[in-house]
C-alpha atoms as a PDB file:
ATOM      1  CA  MET A   1     111.708   0.487 130.684  1.00  0.00           C
ATOM      2  CA  ASN A   2     108.863  -1.907 130.069  1.00  0.00           C
ATOM      3  CA  LYS A   3     108.868  -3.351 126.591  1.00  0.00           C
ATOM      4  CA  THR A   4     105.840  -4.469 124.643  1.00  0.00           C
ATOM      5  CA  GLN A   5     105.484  -8.131 123.789  1.00  0.00           C
ATOM      6  CA  PRO A   6     104.813  -9.485 120.282  1.00  0.00           C
ATOM      7  CA  LEU A   7     101.273  -8.987 119.058  1.00  0.00           C
ATOM      8  CA  LEU A   8      98.610 -11.316 120.370  1.00  0.00           C
ATOM      9  CA  ALA A   9      98.307 -14.512 118.416  1.00  0.00           C
ATOM     10  CA  THR A  10      94.643 -13.855 117.783  1.00  0.00           C
ATOM     11  CA  VAL A  11      95.492 -10.561 116.104  1.00  0.00           C
ATOM     12  CA  LEU A  12      98.122 -12.177 113.900  1.00  0.00           C
ATOM     13  CA  VAL A  13      95.937 -15.115 112.978  1.00  0.00           C
ATOM     14  CA  ALA A  14      93.180 -12.772 111.940  1.00  0.00           C
ATOM     15  CA  ALA A  15      95.575 -10.536 110.052  1.00  0.00           C
ATOM     16  CA  VAL A  16      97.319 -13.358 108.217  1.00  0.00           C
ATOM     17  CA  ALA A  17      93.981 -14.967 107.416  1.00  0.00           C
ATOM     18  CA  LEU A  18      93.017 -11.844 105.521  1.00  0.00           C
ATOM     19  CA  THR A  19      95.698 -12.504 102.928  1.00  0.00           C
ATOM     20  CA  GLY A  20      93.830 -15.577 101.804  1.00  0.00           C
ATOM     21  CA  CYS A  21      90.581 -13.855 101.021  1.00  0.00           C
ATOM     22  CA  GLY A  22      89.363 -11.169  98.699  1.00  0.00           C
ATOM     23  CA  THR A  23      92.553 -10.816  96.738  1.00  0.00           C
ATOM     24  CA  SER A  24      91.078 -10.868  93.262  1.00  0.00           C
ATOM     25  CA  ALA A  25      91.035  -7.443  91.658  1.00  0.00           C
ATOM     26  CA  THR A  26      87.662  -5.743  91.450  1.00  0.00           C
ATOM     27  CA  ALA A  27      86.753  -4.492  87.995  1.00  0.00           C
ATOM     28  CA  SER A  28      86.641  -0.704  87.802  1.00  0.00           C
ATOM     29  CA  ALA A  29      87.050   1.982  85.195  1.00  0.00           C
ATOM     30  CA  PRO A  30      90.424   3.760  85.333  1.00  0.00           C
ATOM     31  CA  GLY A  31      90.347   6.485  87.967  1.00  0.00           C
ATOM     32  CA  GLN A  32      87.068   5.227  89.437  1.00  0.00           C
ATOM     33  CA  PRO A  33      87.035   3.932  93.041  1.00  0.00           C
ATOM     34  CA  GLU A  34      86.199   0.267  93.541  1.00  0.00           C
ATOM     35  CA  LYS A  35      85.184   0.921  97.164  1.00  0.00           C
ATOM     36  CA  LEU A  36      83.077   3.950  98.088  1.00  0.00           C
ATOM     37  CA  GLU A  37      83.346   3.834 101.883  1.00  0.00           C
ATOM     38  CA  LEU A  38      86.443   3.791 104.102  1.00  0.00           C
ATOM     39  CA  ARG A  39      86.122   2.858 107.781  1.00  0.00           C
ATOM     40  CA  TYR A  40      88.452   4.632 110.169  1.00  0.00           C
ATOM     41  CA  GLN A  41      89.104   5.679 113.751  1.00  0.00           C
ATOM     42  CA  GLY A  42      89.373   9.344 114.641  1.00  0.00           C
ATOM     43  CA  SER A  43      90.712  11.413 117.504  1.00  0.00           C
ATOM     44  CA  ALA A  44      88.614  13.526 119.862  1.00  0.00           C
ATOM     45  CA  ASN A  45      88.864  17.311 119.436  1.00  0.00           C
ATOM     46  CA  ASN A  46      91.147  16.816 116.465  1.00  0.00           C
ATOM     47  CA  VAL A  47      90.852  16.845 112.669  1.00  0.00           C
ATOM     48  CA  SER A  48      92.848  14.129 110.904  1.00  0.00           C
ATOM     49  CA  LEU A  49      94.250  14.517 107.409  1.00  0.00           C
ATOM     50  CA  PRO A  50      91.657  12.176 105.833  1.00  0.00           C
ATOM     51  CA  GLU A  51      88.875  14.138 107.551  1.00  0.00           C
ATOM     52  CA  LEU A  52      90.322  17.373 106.197  1.00  0.00           C
ATOM     53  CA  ALA A  53      90.746  15.828 102.736  1.00  0.00           C
ATOM     54  CA  GLU A  54      87.112  14.757 102.690  1.00  0.00           C
ATOM     55  CA  ASP A  55      85.956  18.236 103.698  1.00  0.00           C
ATOM     56  CA  LEU A  56      88.118  19.759 100.954  1.00  0.00           C
ATOM     57  CA  GLY A  57      86.495  17.440  98.403  1.00  0.00           C
ATOM     58  CA  TYR A  58      89.652  15.498  97.610  1.00  0.00           C
ATOM     59  CA  PHE A  59      88.013  12.064  98.017  1.00  0.00           C
ATOM     60  CA  GLY A  60      85.452  12.590  95.291  1.00  0.00           C
ATOM     61  CA  GLN A  61      82.903   9.763  95.453  1.00  0.00           C
ATOM     62  CA  VAL A  62      84.658   8.027  98.358  1.00  0.00           C
ATOM     63  CA  LYS A  63      83.215   8.701 101.811  1.00  0.00           C
ATOM     64  CA  LEU A  64      84.693   8.166 105.261  1.00  0.00           C
ATOM     65  CA  LYS A  65      82.853   6.155 107.907  1.00  0.00           C
ATOM     66  CA  TRP A  66      83.868   7.009 111.462  1.00  0.00           C
ATOM     67  CA  VAL A  67      83.733   3.939 113.746  1.00  0.00           C
ATOM     68  CA  GLY A  68      85.082   5.517 116.948  1.00  0.00           C
ATOM     69  CA  ASN A  69      88.196   7.163 118.369  1.00  0.00           C
ATOM     70  CA  THR A  70      91.616   5.846 119.303  1.00  0.00           C
ATOM     71  CA  ILE A  71      94.487   7.302 121.349  1.00  0.00           C
ATOM     72  CA  SER A  72      96.956   4.580 120.344  1.00  0.00           C
ATOM     73  CA  GLY A  73      98.762   4.220 117.034  1.00  0.00           C
ATOM     74  CA  PRO A  74      99.570   0.512 117.570  1.00  0.00           C
ATOM     75  CA  GLN A  75      95.881  -0.171 118.241  1.00  0.00           C
ATOM     76  CA  ASP A  76      94.878   1.827 115.181  1.00  0.00           C
ATOM     77  CA  ILE A  77      97.092  -0.111 112.763  1.00  0.00           C
ATOM     78  CA  GLN A  78      96.115  -3.432 114.361  1.00  0.00           C
ATOM     79  CA  SER A  79      92.499  -2.524 113.620  1.00  0.00           C
ATOM     80  CA  ALA A  80      93.441  -1.965 109.989  1.00  0.00           C
ATOM     81  CA  ALA A  81      95.434  -5.213 109.853  1.00  0.00           C
ATOM     82  CA  THR A  82      92.464  -7.217 111.146  1.00  0.00           C
ATOM     83  CA  ASP A  83      89.922  -5.573 108.786  1.00  0.00           C
ATOM     84  CA  GLN A  84      88.090  -3.701 111.545  1.00  0.00           C
ATOM     85  CA  THR A  85      88.993  -0.506 109.673  1.00  0.00           C
ATOM     86  CA  ASP A  86      90.307   0.194 106.190  1.00  0.00           C
ATOM     87  CA  PHE A  87      93.287   2.325 107.183  1.00  0.00           C
ATOM     88  CA  GLY A  88      95.166   3.202 110.339  1.00  0.00           C
ATOM     89  CA  GLY A  89      98.139   5.275 111.340  1.00  0.00           C
ATOM     90  CA  ALA A  90     100.999   4.823 113.780  1.00  0.00           C
ATOM     91  CA  PHE A  91     104.640   5.513 114.580  1.00  0.00           C
ATOM     92  CA  THR A  92     107.040   4.077 111.987  1.00  0.00           C
ATOM     93  CA  GLY A  93     108.587   1.757 114.582  1.00  0.00           C
ATOM     94  CA  ALA A  94     105.169   0.330 115.427  1.00  0.00           C
ATOM     95  CA  VAL A  95     104.582  -0.308 111.721  1.00  0.00           C
ATOM     96  CA  VAL A  96     107.892  -2.197 111.516  1.00  0.00           C
ATOM     97  CA  LYS A  97     106.915  -4.303 114.537  1.00  0.00           C
ATOM     98  CA  LEU A  98     103.531  -5.166 113.062  1.00  0.00           C
ATOM     99  CA  ILE A  99     104.949  -6.168 109.682  1.00  0.00           C
ATOM    100  CA  GLU A 100     107.827  -8.120 111.279  1.00  0.00           C
ATOM    101  CA  ALA A 101     105.190 -10.012 113.279  1.00  0.00           C
ATOM    102  CA  GLY A 102     103.538 -11.097 110.032  1.00  0.00           C
ATOM    103  CA  ALA A 103     100.690  -8.641 109.567  1.00  0.00           C
ATOM    104  CA  PRO A 104      99.871  -7.994 105.882  1.00  0.00           C
ATOM    105  CA  VAL A 105     100.006  -4.191 105.809  1.00  0.00           C
ATOM    106  CA  LYS A 106     102.096  -1.593 103.985  1.00  0.00           C
ATOM    107  CA  ALA A 107     102.773   2.074 104.732  1.00  0.00           C
ATOM    108  CA  VAL A 108     101.490   4.344 101.960  1.00  0.00           C
ATOM    109  CA  VAL A 109     101.791   7.983 103.150  1.00  0.00           C
ATOM    110  CA  ASN A 110     103.181   9.779 106.203  1.00  0.00           C
ATOM    111  CA  TYR A 111     100.659  11.668 108.297  1.00  0.00           C
ATOM    112  CA  TYR A 112     102.568  13.138 111.239  1.00  0.00           C
ATOM    113  CA  GLY A 113     106.043  14.179 112.221  1.00  0.00           C
ATOM    114  CA  SER A 114     108.154  16.627 114.188  1.00  0.00           C
ATOM    115  CA  ASP A 115     109.649  19.927 113.108  1.00  0.00           C
ATOM    116  CA  GLU A 116     110.668  23.198 114.745  1.00  0.00           C
ATOM    117  CA  LYS A 117     107.028  24.157 115.304  1.00  0.00           C
ATOM    118  CA  THR A 118     105.398  20.805 116.032  1.00  0.00           C
ATOM    119  CA  TYR A 119     107.244  18.274 118.199  1.00  0.00           C
ATOM    120  CA  LEU A 120     107.097  15.799 121.085  1.00  0.00           C
ATOM    121  CA  GLY A 121     108.275  17.136 124.431  1.00  0.00           C
ATOM    122  CA  PHE A 122     109.107  15.520 127.760  1.00  0.00           C
ATOM    123  CA  TYR A 123     108.139  17.796 130.649  1.00  0.00           C
ATOM    124  CA  VAL A 124     108.819  17.983 134.373  1.00  0.00           C
ATOM    125  CA  LYS A 125     107.562  20.359 137.027  1.00  0.00           C
ATOM    126  CA  GLU A 126     109.483  23.605 137.150  1.00  0.00           C
ATOM    127  CA  ASP A 127     111.084  22.776 140.511  1.00  0.00           C
ATOM    128  CA  SER A 128     111.867  19.151 139.606  1.00  0.00           C
ATOM    129  CA  PRO A 129     115.424  17.955 140.336  1.00  0.00           C
ATOM    130  CA  ILE A 130     115.392  16.061 137.015  1.00  0.00           C
ATOM    131  CA  ARG A 131     117.847  17.825 134.706  1.00  0.00           C
ATOM    132  CA  SER A 132     119.669  15.130 132.727  1.00  0.00           C
ATOM    133  CA  PRO A 133     119.015  11.719 131.149  1.00  0.00           C
ATOM    134  CA  ARG A 134     120.619   9.927 134.107  1.00  0.00           C
ATOM    135  CA  ASP A 135     118.180  11.618 136.500  1.00  0.00           C
ATOM    136  CA  LEU A 136     115.375   9.565 134.939  1.00  0.00           C
ATOM    137  CA  ILE A 137     116.607   6.253 136.354  1.00  0.00           C
ATOM    138  CA  GLY A 138     113.874   4.942 138.653  1.00  0.00           C
ATOM    139  CA  LYS A 139     111.421   7.693 137.676  1.00  0.00           C
ATOM    140  CA  LYS A 140     107.913   7.443 136.196  1.00  0.00           C
ATOM    141  CA  VAL A 141     107.256   8.772 132.699  1.00  0.00           C
ATOM    142  CA  ALA A 142     103.709   9.158 131.368  1.00  0.00           C
ATOM    143  CA  VAL A 143     103.158   8.132 127.724  1.00  0.00           C
ATOM    144  CA  ASN A 144     100.030   7.482 125.681  1.00  0.00           C
ATOM    145  CA  THR A 145     101.040   3.890 124.903  1.00  0.00           C
ATOM    146  CA  VAL A 146     104.091   1.650 125.098  1.00  0.00           C
ATOM    147  CA  GLY A 147     105.990   0.402 122.079  1.00  0.00           C
ATOM    148  CA  ALA A 148     105.425   3.555 120.051  1.00  0.00           C
ATOM    149  CA  ASN A 149     106.956   6.960 119.230  1.00  0.00           C
ATOM    150  CA  LEU A 150     107.263   8.323 122.759  1.00  0.00           C
ATOM    151  CA  GLU A 151     108.982   5.212 124.107  1.00  0.00           C
ATOM    152  CA  ALA A 152     111.294   4.983 121.102  1.00  0.00           C
ATOM    153  CA  ALA A 153     112.272   8.655 121.334  1.00  0.00           C
ATOM    154  CA  LEU A 154     112.895   8.473 125.080  1.00  0.00           C
ATOM    155  CA  ASP A 155     114.782   5.181 124.931  1.00  0.00           C
ATOM    156  CA  THR A 156     116.952   6.301 122.009  1.00  0.00           C
ATOM    157  CA  TRP A 157     117.753   9.612 123.747  1.00  0.00           C
ATOM    158  CA  LEU A 158     118.751   7.839 126.955  1.00  0.00           C
ATOM    159  CA  LEU A 159     120.994   5.335 125.166  1.00  0.00           C
ATOM    160  CA  ARG A 160     122.633   8.050 123.076  1.00  0.00           C
ATOM    161  CA  ASN A 161     123.438   9.907 126.293  1.00  0.00           C
ATOM    162  CA  GLY A 162     125.367   7.082 127.906  1.00  0.00           C
ATOM    163  CA  LEU A 163     122.793   5.037 129.801  1.00  0.00           C
ATOM    164  CA  THR A 164     123.105   1.271 129.529  1.00  0.00           C
ATOM    165  CA  GLN A 165     120.149  -0.855 128.474  1.00  0.00           C
ATOM    166  CA  ALA A 166     119.832  -2.083 132.075  1.00  0.00           C
ATOM    167  CA  GLU A 167     119.660   1.505 133.323  1.00  0.00           C
ATOM    168  CA  THR A 168     117.179   2.472 130.627  1.00  0.00           C
ATOM    169  CA  ASP A 169     114.976  -0.438 131.670  1.00  0.00           C
ATOM    170  CA  GLN A 170     114.666   1.142 135.132  1.00  0.00           C
ATOM    171  CA  VAL A 171     112.752   4.099 133.704  1.00  0.00           C
ATOM    172  CA  GLN A 172     109.107   3.255 134.360  1.00  0.00           C
ATOM    173  CA  LEU A 173     106.538   3.962 131.662  1.00  0.00           C
ATOM    174  CA  VAL A 174     103.033   4.818 132.869  1.00  0.00           C
ATOM    175  CA  VAL A 175     100.312   4.642 130.220  1.00  0.00           C
ATOM    176  CA  LEU A 176      97.855   7.539 130.469  1.00  0.00           C
ATOM    177  CA  PRO A 177      95.400   9.118 128.027  1.00  0.00           C
ATOM    178  CA  PRO A 178      97.115  12.244 126.617  1.00  0.00           C
ATOM    179  CA  VAL A 179      94.385  14.509 128.035  1.00  0.00           C
ATOM    180  CA  ASN A 180      95.244  13.324 131.568  1.00  0.00           C
ATOM    181  CA  THR A 181      99.033  13.547 131.344  1.00  0.00           C
ATOM    182  CA  GLU A 182      99.431  17.221 132.274  1.00  0.00           C
ATOM    183  CA  GLN A 183      97.286  16.907 135.388  1.00  0.00           C
ATOM    184  CA  ALA A 184      99.019  13.706 136.490  1.00  0.00           C
ATOM    185  CA  LEU A 185     102.368  15.493 136.195  1.00  0.00           C
ATOM    186  CA  ARG A 186     101.176  18.535 138.155  1.00  0.00           C
ATOM    187  CA  ASN A 187      99.702  16.255 140.856  1.00  0.00           C
ATOM    188  CA  GLY A 188     102.984  14.377 141.261  1.00  0.00           C
ATOM    189  CA  GLN A 189     101.554  11.045 140.099  1.00  0.00           C
ATOM    190  CA  VAL A 190     104.344  10.860 137.504  1.00  0.00           C
ATOM    191  CA  ASP A 191     107.767  12.514 137.359  1.00  0.00           C
ATOM    192  CA  VAL A 192     107.797  13.235 133.622  1.00  0.00           C
ATOM    193  CA  GLY A 193     104.990  13.721 131.141  1.00  0.00           C
ATOM    194  CA  ALA A 194     105.277  13.272 127.393  1.00  0.00           C
ATOM    195  CA  LEU A 195     103.209  15.900 125.600  1.00  0.00           C
ATOM    196  CA  ASN A 196     102.769  16.966 122.008  1.00  0.00           C
ATOM    197  CA  GLY A 197     100.589  19.124 119.831  1.00  0.00           C
ATOM    198  CA  ILE A 198      97.880  21.265 121.349  1.00  0.00           C
ATOM    199  CA  LEU A 199      98.084  19.520 124.732  1.00  0.00           C
ATOM    200  CA  GLN A 200     101.739  20.495 124.990  1.00  0.00           C
ATOM    201  CA  ASP A 201     101.059  24.101 124.026  1.00  0.00           C
ATOM    202  CA  HIS A 202      98.216  24.344 126.536  1.00  0.00           C
ATOM    203  CA  ALA A 203     100.442  22.988 129.304  1.00  0.00           C
ATOM    204  CA  ALA A 204     103.260  25.391 128.429  1.00  0.00           C
ATOM    205  CA  GLU A 205     100.877  28.354 128.363  1.00  0.00           C
ATOM    206  CA  THR A 206      99.533  27.463 131.803  1.00  0.00           C
ATOM    207  CA  GLY A 207     103.065  27.550 133.217  1.00  0.00           C
ATOM    208  CA  GLY A 208     104.750  25.694 136.050  1.00  0.00           C
ATOM    209  CA  LEU A 209     106.358  23.086 133.795  1.00  0.00           C
ATOM    210  CA  ARG A 210     109.816  22.828 132.242  1.00  0.00           C
ATOM    211  CA  ARG A 211     110.760  20.974 129.075  1.00  0.00           C
ATOM    212  CA  LEU A 212     113.464  18.405 129.692  1.00  0.00           C
ATOM    213  CA  VAL A 213     114.010  17.604 126.014  1.00  0.00           C
ATOM    214  CA  SER A 214     112.104  17.454 122.732  1.00  0.00           C
ATOM    215  CA  ASP A 215     112.489  14.880 119.994  1.00  0.00           C
ATOM    216  CA  VAL A 216     113.598  17.555 117.519  1.00  0.00           C
ATOM    217  CA  GLU A 217     116.319  18.684 119.927  1.00  0.00           C
ATOM    218  CA  ALA A 218     117.438  15.063 120.213  1.00  0.00           C
ATOM    219  CA  PHE A 219     117.211  13.931 116.564  1.00  0.00           C
ATOM    220  CA  GLY A 220     116.326  16.882 114.349  1.00  0.00           C
ATOM    221  CA  PRO A 221     113.120  17.113 112.234  1.00  0.00           C
ATOM    222  CA  TYR A 222     111.740  13.750 111.092  1.00  0.00           C
ATOM    223  CA  ASN A 223     108.621  12.034 109.766  1.00  0.00           C
ATOM    224  CA  GLY A 224     106.978  10.227 112.652  1.00  0.00           C
ATOM    225  CA  GLY A 225     104.452   7.833 111.213  1.00  0.00           C
ATOM    226  CA  PRO A 226     102.472   6.675 108.165  1.00  0.00           C
ATOM    227  CA  TYR A 227      99.010   5.487 107.358  1.00  0.00           C
ATOM    228  CA  VAL A 228      98.920   1.812 106.399  1.00  0.00           C
ATOM    229  CA  LEU A 229      96.646  -0.187 104.119  1.00  0.00           C
ATOM    230  CA  ARG A 230      96.310  -3.959 104.055  1.00  0.00           C
ATOM    231  CA  THR A 231      98.122  -5.557 101.148  1.00  0.00           C
ATOM    232  CA  ASP A 232      94.957  -7.378 100.080  1.00  0.00           C
ATOM    233  CA  PHE A 233      93.108  -4.032 100.143  1.00  0.00           C
ATOM    234  CA  ILE A 234      95.741  -2.490  97.841  1.00  0.00           C
ATOM    235  CA  LYS A 235      95.496  -5.430  95.426  1.00  0.00           C
ATOM    236  CA  LYS A 236      91.704  -5.529  95.404  1.00  0.00           C
ATOM    237  CA  TYR A 237      91.117  -1.763  95.377  1.00  0.00           C
ATOM    238  CA  PRO A 238      94.085  -0.112  93.584  1.00  0.00           C
ATOM    239  CA  GLU A 239      92.131   2.943  92.412  1.00  0.00           C
ATOM    240  CA  THR A 240      90.634   3.491  95.859  1.00  0.00           C
ATOM    241  CA  SER A 241      94.120   3.152  97.357  1.00  0.00           C
ATOM    242  CA  LYS A 242      95.374   5.785  94.933  1.00  0.00           C
ATOM    243  CA  ILE A 243      92.482   8.103  95.768  1.00  0.00           C
ATOM    244  CA  PHE A 244      93.118   7.705  99.503  1.00  0.00           C
ATOM    245  CA  VAL A 245      96.851   8.431  99.293  1.00  0.00           C
ATOM    246  CA  SER A 246      96.398  11.280  96.828  1.00  0.00           C
ATOM    247  CA  ALA A 247      93.721  12.904  98.997  1.00  0.00           C
ATOM    248  CA  VAL A 248      95.871  12.713 102.138  1.00  0.00           C
ATOM    249  CA  ALA A 249      98.935  14.015 100.271  1.00  0.00           C
ATOM    250  CA  ARG A 250      96.955  16.951  98.884  1.00  0.00           C
ATOM    251  CA  ALA A 251      95.567  17.709 102.352  1.00  0.00           C
ATOM    252  CA  ILE A 252      99.131  17.807 103.691  1.00  0.00           C
ATOM    253  CA  GLU A 253     100.099  20.353 101.057  1.00  0.00           C
ATOM    254  CA  TRP A 254      96.957  22.354 101.794  1.00  0.00           C
ATOM    255  CA  GLU A 255      97.982  22.584 105.463  1.00  0.00           C
ATOM    256  CA  ARG A 256     101.578  23.414 104.510  1.00  0.00           C
ATOM    257  CA  THR A 257     100.602  26.291 102.194  1.00  0.00           C
ATOM    258  CA  THR A 258      97.435  27.724 103.761  1.00  0.00           C
ATOM    259  CA  PRO A 259      97.585  30.575 106.302  1.00  0.00           C
ATOM    260  CA  ARG A 260      97.426  29.273 109.879  1.00  0.00           C
ATOM    261  CA  GLU A 261      94.239  31.194 110.725  1.00  0.00           C
ATOM    262  CA  GLU A 262      92.462  29.661 107.745  1.00  0.00           C
ATOM    263  CA  VAL A 263      93.555  26.136 108.731  1.00  0.00           C
ATOM    264  CA  ILE A 264      92.241  26.622 112.262  1.00  0.00           C
ATOM    265  CA  ALA A 265      88.959  28.024 110.955  1.00  0.00           C
ATOM    266  CA  ARG A 266      88.536  24.984 108.695  1.00  0.00           C
ATOM    267  CA  PHE A 267      89.252  22.591 111.571  1.00  0.00           C
ATOM    268  CA  THR A 268      86.734  24.417 113.746  1.00  0.00           C
ATOM    269  CA  LYS A 269      84.042  24.140 111.094  1.00  0.00           C
ATOM    270  CA  ILE A 270      84.670  20.407 110.603  1.00  0.00           C
ATOM    271  CA  ILE A 271      84.490  19.605 114.320  1.00  0.00           C
ATOM    272  CA  LYS A 272      81.303  21.594 114.812  1.00  0.00           C
ATOM    273  CA  GLN A 273      79.621  20.032 111.786  1.00  0.00           C
ATOM    274  CA  ARG A 274      80.331  16.425 112.771  1.00  0.00           C
ATOM    275  CA  ASP A 275      78.534  16.939 116.110  1.00  0.00           C
ATOM    276  CA  ARG A 276      80.469  14.536 118.382  1.00  0.00           C
ATOM    277  CA  ASN A 277      80.214  16.671 121.532  1.00  0.00           C
ATOM    278  CA  GLU A 278      83.804  17.901 121.180  1.00  0.00           C
ATOM    279  CA  SER A 279      85.635  21.081 122.090  1.00  0.00           C
ATOM    280  CA  THR A 280      87.358  23.390 119.624  1.00  0.00           C
ATOM    281  CA  ASP A 281      89.166  25.390 122.321  1.00  0.00           C
ATOM    282  CA  THR A 282      92.552  23.758 121.761  1.00  0.00           C
ATOM    283  CA  LEU A 283      92.605  24.287 117.992  1.00  0.00           C
ATOM    284  CA  LYS A 284      94.137  27.735 118.548  1.00  0.00           C
ATOM    285  CA  TYR A 285      97.399  25.977 119.428  1.00  0.00           C
ATOM    286  CA  TRP A 286      97.798  24.332 116.004  1.00  0.00           C
ATOM    287  CA  LYS A 287     101.106  25.315 114.362  1.00  0.00           C
ATOM    288  CA  SER A 288     102.087  23.026 111.479  1.00  0.00           C
ATOM    289  CA  VAL A 289     101.490  19.645 109.847  1.00  0.00           C
ATOM    290  CA  GLY A 290     105.047  18.656 110.815  1.00  0.00           C
ATOM    291  CA  ILE A 291     105.914  16.423 107.853  1.00  0.00           C
ATOM    292  CA  THR A 292     107.697  16.712 104.545  1.00  0.00           C
ATOM    293  CA  HIS A 293     106.329  17.391 101.055  1.00  0.00           C
ATOM    294  CA  GLY A 294     103.224  15.346 100.272  1.00  0.00           C
ATOM    295  CA  GLY A 295     103.863  12.921 103.122  1.00  0.00           C
ATOM    296  CA  LEU A 296     106.394  11.028 101.001  1.00  0.00           C
ATOM    297  CA  ILE A 297     108.044   8.124 102.816  1.00  0.00           C
ATOM    298  CA  SER A 298     111.792   7.440 102.826  1.00  0.00           C
ATOM    299  CA  ASP A 299     114.160   4.813 104.209  1.00  0.00           C
ATOM    300  CA  GLN A 300     115.415   7.330 106.762  1.00  0.00           C
ATOM    301  CA  ASP A 301     111.980   7.406 108.402  1.00  0.00           C
ATOM    302  CA  TYR A 302     112.646   3.826 109.522  1.00  0.00           C
ATOM    303  CA  THR A 303     116.410   3.560 109.898  1.00  0.00           C
ATOM    304  CA  LEU A 304     116.373   6.246 112.620  1.00  0.00           C
ATOM    305  CA  TRP A 305     114.889   3.623 114.954  1.00  0.00           C
ATOM    306  CA  GLU A 306     116.925   0.565 113.910  1.00  0.00           C
ATOM    307  CA  GLY A 307     118.884   0.448 117.178  1.00  0.00           C
ATOM    308  CA  TRP A 308     115.787   0.742 119.360  1.00  0.00           C
ATOM    309  CA  LEU A 309     113.897  -1.888 117.376  1.00  0.00           C
ATOM    310  CA  LYS A 310     116.817  -4.310 117.575  1.00  0.00           C
ATOM    311  CA  GLN A 311     117.489  -3.829 121.293  1.00  0.00           C
ATOM    312  CA  SER A 312     113.783  -4.062 122.088  1.00  0.00           C
ATOM    313  CA  GLY A 313     113.514  -7.398 120.275  1.00  0.00           C
ATOM    314  CA  PHE A 314     111.064  -6.134 117.668  1.00  0.00           C
ATOM    315  CA  THR A 315     113.311  -7.021 114.745  1.00  0.00           C
ATOM    316  CA  LYS A 316     115.940  -9.721 114.446  1.00  0.00           C
ATOM    317  CA  SER A 317     118.207  -8.076 111.876  1.00  0.00           C
ATOM    318  CA  ASP A 318     120.543  -5.135 112.381  1.00  0.00           C
ATOM    319  CA  LYS A 319     119.353  -3.562 109.125  1.00  0.00           C
ATOM    320  CA  ILE A 320     115.685  -3.014 108.343  1.00  0.00           C
ATOM    321  CA  ASP A 321     114.437  -4.239 104.956  1.00  0.00           C
ATOM    322  CA  THR A 322     112.568  -1.070 104.013  1.00  0.00           C
ATOM    323  CA  LYS A 323     111.353  -2.445 100.655  1.00  0.00           C
ATOM    324  CA  LYS A 324     108.669  -4.505 102.367  1.00  0.00           C
ATOM    325  CA  LEU A 325     107.559  -1.689 104.651  1.00  0.00           C
ATOM    326  CA  TYR A 326     106.327   1.104 102.401  1.00  0.00           C
ATOM    327  CA  THR A 327     105.470   2.340  98.930  1.00  0.00           C
ATOM    328  CA  ASN A 328     105.159   5.795  97.360  1.00  0.00           C
ATOM    329  CA  GLU A 329     103.537   4.406  94.205  1.00  0.00           C
ATOM    330  CA  PHE A 330     100.175   6.055  94.874  1.00  0.00           C
ATOM    331  CA  ASN A 331     101.540   9.440  95.951  1.00  0.00           C
ATOM    332  CA  PRO A 332     101.089  12.152  93.319  1.00  0.00           C
ATOM    333  CA  TYR A 333     104.168  13.975  94.656  1.00  0.00           C
ATOM    334  CA  ALA A 334     106.528  11.040  94.152  1.00  0.00           C
ATOM    335  CA  GLY A 335     109.430  12.150  91.965  1.00  0.00           C
ATOM    336  CA  SER A 336     108.780  15.843  92.592  1.00  0.00           C
ATOM    337  CA  LYS A 337     110.829  18.162  94.765  1.00  0.00           C
END
């Protein structure tokens, strides 16, 4: 399995350089945001938690500024690390890699995960001879990006089921946009396709595919990834950081406690109002937010992937130092059950 290399030097230089500028705190009245606009990347045909939070009025004076879409978590958090955006989200393992490489970011709230309703699945055609982990040796697996959740889940599953690292390396990852994965699988361009969310539900409804394994079947429910802020951003804009985390956490609880039909209706309204030439057809497949209470982060979110991170060369130590990776200090649900 192809492994990602350390981040480009130019990215790290830019990221590290940010720590030397703008670190003095900006004067602001308690509870008042120091920064009124947050740049971010979105996702086509999808409503992110910050977008929902803004529509629900949870950001108050703070406004979001959409600067484009991304299909890659690693790219999204690199954009945040290099001050191209103000926040970004990615798989927990990708966050570890970025911080281990020297980028000045910190995870502040989880935004996606897997549970019994919402999960990552690896699919084959119904008549495929692939039935077990060992059958994947030498096969092509479509993922949205390398070095992130799909690769970590697949790699960890293979290793836990008796494959050696050398055998796991023979599984070929093919990077495809998620919207193209189903068709590539049906056309025989890849042997396995990794699908999640509404794309997975659409593929299953169409028929002709068989799920090989899901991440929840392999590991149980887990939080998949957090939003990160730059450490200089947190120091310079503490009230804005608190507003951001609180708004996202409240949006999570809104999704967790609101009837499904009402959530879908809200998503539909948001997509239509923002006028980005998107489709709302797939929103009917939404099932759950997939993460725990308020998006609170825990050590277990990271330690699940310790073996994969170590074997992939993304961390030098056997044990991850979680203290430098995340904080729940801005989350209004911290300390609550």
